[in-house]
C-alpha atoms as a PDB file:
ATOM      1  CA  MET A   1     102.630 155.442 127.564  1.00  0.00           C
ATOM      2  CA  SER A   2     100.695 153.145 125.576  1.00  0.00           C
ATOM      3  CA  ARG A   3      99.770 149.837 126.815  1.00  0.00           C
ATOM      4  CA  ARG A   4     100.089 146.847 124.716  1.00  0.00           C
ATOM      5  CA  LYS A   5      96.957 144.939 124.206  1.00  0.00           C
ATOM      6  CA  SER A   6      97.229 141.334 125.204  1.00  0.00           C
ATOM      7  CA  ALA A   7      96.950 139.033 122.280  1.00  0.00           C
ATOM      8  CA  SER A   8      93.549 137.536 122.463  1.00  0.00           C
ATOM      9  CA  LEU A   9      92.941 134.101 121.119  1.00  0.00           C
ATOM     10  CA  LYS A  10      91.227 134.247 117.842  1.00  0.00           C
ATOM     11  CA  PRO A  11      88.655 131.538 117.175  1.00  0.00           C
ATOM     12  CA  ARG A  12      90.432 130.505 113.993  1.00  0.00           C
ATOM     13  CA  SER A  13      93.793 129.911 115.685  1.00  0.00           C
ATOM     14  CA  MET A  14      92.075 128.094 118.530  1.00  0.00           C
ATOM     15  CA  ILE A  15      90.285 125.702 116.149  1.00  0.00           C
ATOM     16  CA  LEU A  16      93.511 125.174 114.246  1.00  0.00           C
ATOM     17  CA  SER A  17      95.470 124.296 117.394  1.00  0.00           C
ATOM     18  CA  ILE A  18      92.723 121.916 118.576  1.00  0.00           C
ATOM     19  CA  ALA A  19      92.654 120.229 115.149  1.00  0.00           C
ATOM     20  CA  LEU A  20      96.439 119.891 115.202  1.00  0.00           C
ATOM     21  CA  CYS A  21      96.384 118.345 118.694  1.00  0.00           C
ATOM     22  CA  ALA A  22      93.602 115.969 117.643  1.00  0.00           C
ATOM     23  CA  ALA A  23      95.570 114.923 114.549  1.00  0.00           C
ATOM     24  CA  VAL A  24      98.690 114.219 116.623  1.00  0.00           C
ATOM     25  CA  CYS A  25      96.645 112.245 119.176  1.00  0.00           C
ATOM     26  CA  LEU A  26      94.929 110.228 116.443  1.00  0.00           C
ATOM     27  CA  ALA A  27      98.277 109.524 114.781  1.00  0.00           C
ATOM     28  CA  GLY A  28      99.670 108.291 118.103  1.00  0.00           C
ATOM     29  CA  ILE A  29      96.649 106.090 118.734  1.00  0.00           C
ATOM     30  CA  GLY A  30      96.884 104.719 115.197  1.00  0.00           C
ATOM     31  CA  PHE A  31     100.571 103.977 115.651  1.00  0.00           C
ATOM     32  CA  VAL A  32      99.975 102.112 118.922  1.00  0.00           C
ATOM     33  CA  TRP A  33      97.080 100.153 117.373  1.00  0.00           C
ATOM     34  CA  ALA A  34      99.192  99.225 114.331  1.00  0.00           C
ATOM     35  CA  LYS A  35     102.053  98.064 116.559  1.00  0.00           C
ATOM     36  CA  SER A  36      99.739  95.907 118.661  1.00  0.00           C
ATOM     37  CA  GLU A  37      98.291  94.358 115.473  1.00  0.00           C
ATOM     38  CA  VAL A  38     101.785  93.611 114.186  1.00  0.00           C
ATOM     39  CA  TRP A  39     102.753  91.966 117.478  1.00  0.00           C
ATOM     40  CA  GLY A  40      99.574  89.897 117.511  1.00  0.00           C
ATOM     41  CA  LEU A  41     100.024  88.800 113.894  1.00  0.00           C
ATOM     42  CA  SER A  42     103.676  87.926 114.451  1.00  0.00           C
ATOM     43  CA  ARG A  43     102.630  85.776 117.409  1.00  0.00           C
ATOM     44  CA  ASP A  44     100.044  84.035 115.210  1.00  0.00           C
ATOM     45  CA  ILE A  45     102.602  83.498 112.455  1.00  0.00           C
ATOM     46  CA  LYS A  46     105.034  81.953 114.929  1.00  0.00           C
ATOM     47  CA  LYS A  47     102.343  79.534 116.177  1.00  0.00           C
ATOM     48  CA  LEU A  48     101.453  78.575 112.594  1.00  0.00           C
ATOM     49  CA  GLU A  49     105.113  78.022 111.698  1.00  0.00           C
ATOM     50  CA  VAL A  50     105.548  75.736 114.713  1.00  0.00           C
ATOM     51  CA  ARG A  51     102.403  73.811 113.712  1.00  0.00           C
ATOM     52  CA  ARG A  52     103.647  73.529 110.115  1.00  0.00           C
ATOM     53  CA  ASP A  53     106.966  72.136 111.321  1.00  0.00           C
ATOM     54  CA  ASP A  54     105.172  69.622 113.557  1.00  0.00           C
ATOM     55  CA  LEU A  55     102.977  68.523 110.656  1.00  0.00           C
ATOM     56  CA  LYS A  56     106.020  68.164 108.381  1.00  0.00           C
ATOM     57  CA  ARG A  57     107.709  65.936 110.952  1.00  0.00           C
ATOM     58  CA  GLU A  58     104.550  63.873 111.356  1.00  0.00           C
ATOM     59  CA  ASN A  59     104.184  63.584 107.585  1.00  0.00           C
ATOM     60  CA  ASP A  60     107.789  62.383 107.249  1.00  0.00           C
ATOM     61  CA  THR A  61     107.203  59.793 109.964  1.00  0.00           C
ATOM     62  CA  LEU A  62     104.022  58.577 108.276  1.00  0.00           C
ATOM     63  CA  GLN A  63     105.761  58.373 104.890  1.00  0.00           C
ATOM     64  CA  ARG A  64     108.557  56.257 106.376  1.00  0.00           C
ATOM     65  CA  THR A  65     106.001  54.004 108.091  1.00  0.00           C
ATOM     66  CA  TYR A  66     104.038  53.627 104.852  1.00  0.00           C
ATOM     67  CA  ALA A  67     107.200  52.826 102.876  1.00  0.00           C
ATOM     68  CA  ALA A  68     108.145  50.177 105.446  1.00  0.00           C
ATOM     69  CA  MET A  69     104.665  48.655 105.294  1.00  0.00           C
ATOM     70  CA  CYS A  70     104.805  48.415 101.486  1.00  0.00           C
ATOM     71  CA  THR A  71     107.976  46.332 101.301  1.00  0.00           C
ATOM     72  CA  PRO A  72     107.453  42.826  99.887  1.00  0.00           C
ATOM     73  CA  ARG A  73     108.740  41.217 103.082  1.00  0.00           C
ATOM     74  CA  GLU A  74     106.294  43.155 105.244  1.00  0.00           C
ATOM     75  CA  LEU A  75     103.397  42.426 102.889  1.00  0.00           C
ATOM     76  CA  GLU A  76     104.160  38.709 102.939  1.00  0.00           C
ATOM     77  CA  ALA A  77     104.368  38.754 106.729  1.00  0.00           C
ATOM     78  CA  ARG A  78     100.974  40.486 106.972  1.00  0.00           C
ATOM     79  CA  VAL A  79      99.416  37.944 104.603  1.00  0.00           C
ATOM     80  CA  LYS A  80     100.691  35.132 106.829  1.00  0.00           C
ATOM     81  CA  ARG A  81      99.562  36.890 110.035  1.00  0.00           C
ATOM     82  CA  LEU A  82      96.070  37.513 108.687  1.00  0.00           C
ATOM     83  CA  ASN A  83      95.780  34.006 107.172  1.00  0.00           C
ATOM     84  CA  LEU A  84      94.595  35.353 103.822  1.00  0.00           C
ATOM     85  CA  GLY A  85      95.799  32.334 101.865  1.00  0.00           C
ATOM     86  CA  LEU A  86      97.218  34.422  99.032  1.00  0.00           C
ATOM     87  CA  THR A  87      99.730  32.820  96.681  1.00  0.00           C
ATOM     88  CA  ALA A  88     101.583  33.954  93.602  1.00  0.00           C
ATOM     89  CA  PRO A  89      99.462  33.698  90.416  1.00  0.00           C
ATOM     90  CA  GLN A  90     100.042  30.891  87.961  1.00  0.00           C
ATOM     91  CA  PRO A  91     101.324  31.960  84.533  1.00  0.00           C
ATOM     92  CA  ASP A  92      98.006  31.063  82.884  1.00  0.00           C
ATOM     93  CA  GLN A  93      96.158  33.321  85.368  1.00  0.00           C
ATOM     94  CA  ILE A  94      98.009  36.446  84.219  1.00  0.00           C
ATOM     95  CA  VAL A  95      96.277  38.511  81.529  1.00  0.00           C
ATOM     96  CA  ARG A  96      98.415  41.096  79.785  1.00  0.00           C
ATOM     97  CA  LEU A  97      96.705  44.011  78.102  1.00  0.00           C
ATOM     98  CA  PRO A  98      98.359  46.034  75.358  1.00  0.00           C
ATOM     99  CA  GLU A  99      99.223  49.593  76.208  1.00  0.00           C
ATOM    100  CA  PRO A 100      96.813  51.851  74.300  1.00  0.00           C
ATOM    101  CA  THR A 101      98.423  54.501  72.148  1.00  0.00           C
ATOM    102  CA  ALA A 102      97.041  57.857  71.194  1.00  0.00           C
ATOM    103  CA  PHE A 103      96.385  56.703  67.609  1.00  0.00           C
ATOM    104  CA  VAL A 104      94.451  53.502  68.395  1.00  0.00           C
ATOM    105  CA  ARG A 105      90.711  53.953  67.957  1.00  0.00           C
ATOM    106  CA  GLN A 106      88.337  52.479  70.507  1.00  0.00           C
ATOM    107  CA  SER A 107      87.033  49.822  68.064  1.00  0.00           C
ATOM    108  CA  GLU A 108      90.588  48.602  67.338  1.00  0.00           C
ATOM    109  CA  PHE A 109      91.306  48.422  71.037  1.00  0.00           C
ATOM    110  CA  LYS A 110      88.246  46.236  71.615  1.00  0.00           C
ATOM    111  CA  ARG A 111      89.308  43.958  68.791  1.00  0.00           C
ATOM    112  CA  ILE A 112      92.819  43.618  70.223  1.00  0.00           C
ATOM    113  CA  TYR A 113      91.409  42.876  73.660  1.00  0.00           C
ATOM    114  CA  ALA A 114      88.944  40.367  72.235  1.00  0.00           C
ATOM    115  CA  SER A 115      91.753  38.552  70.423  1.00  0.00           C
ATOM    116  CA  HIS A 116      93.661  38.227  73.704  1.00  0.00           C
ATOM    117  CA  ALA A 117      90.549  36.983  75.462  1.00  0.00           C
ATOM    118  CA  GLU A 118      90.121  34.276  72.818  1.00  0.00           C
ATOM    119  CA  GLU A 119      93.714  33.119  73.286  1.00  0.00           C
ATOM    120  CA  ARG A 120      93.077  32.656  77.003  1.00  0.00           C
ATOM    121  CA  ASP A 121      90.142  30.275  76.493  1.00  0.00           C
END
């Protein structure tokens, strides 16, 4: 009767099994780390989206307030409240400047402006 020899662990197979276990453990740790990063980033994104929505609402409110403050009626009321003494300009106080075109040279523009200035005097 021959006895079977028990299979002894060879150093190569032992190193290979340890390396395989280490790779699986590292992959698991990496997966858990990646998931926690994703959860943290999604939480940050949610906070930023809420802040963006709040800022949009505030911006809309400020735009409506600004538009209301720029109406002629509101401007006149503020002038009266602040006693600024502003009145509408007289026709001779209004100076109209010609709209410069792309083809008008600077010297021609000065001459046109000077001619208007002479008419005012």
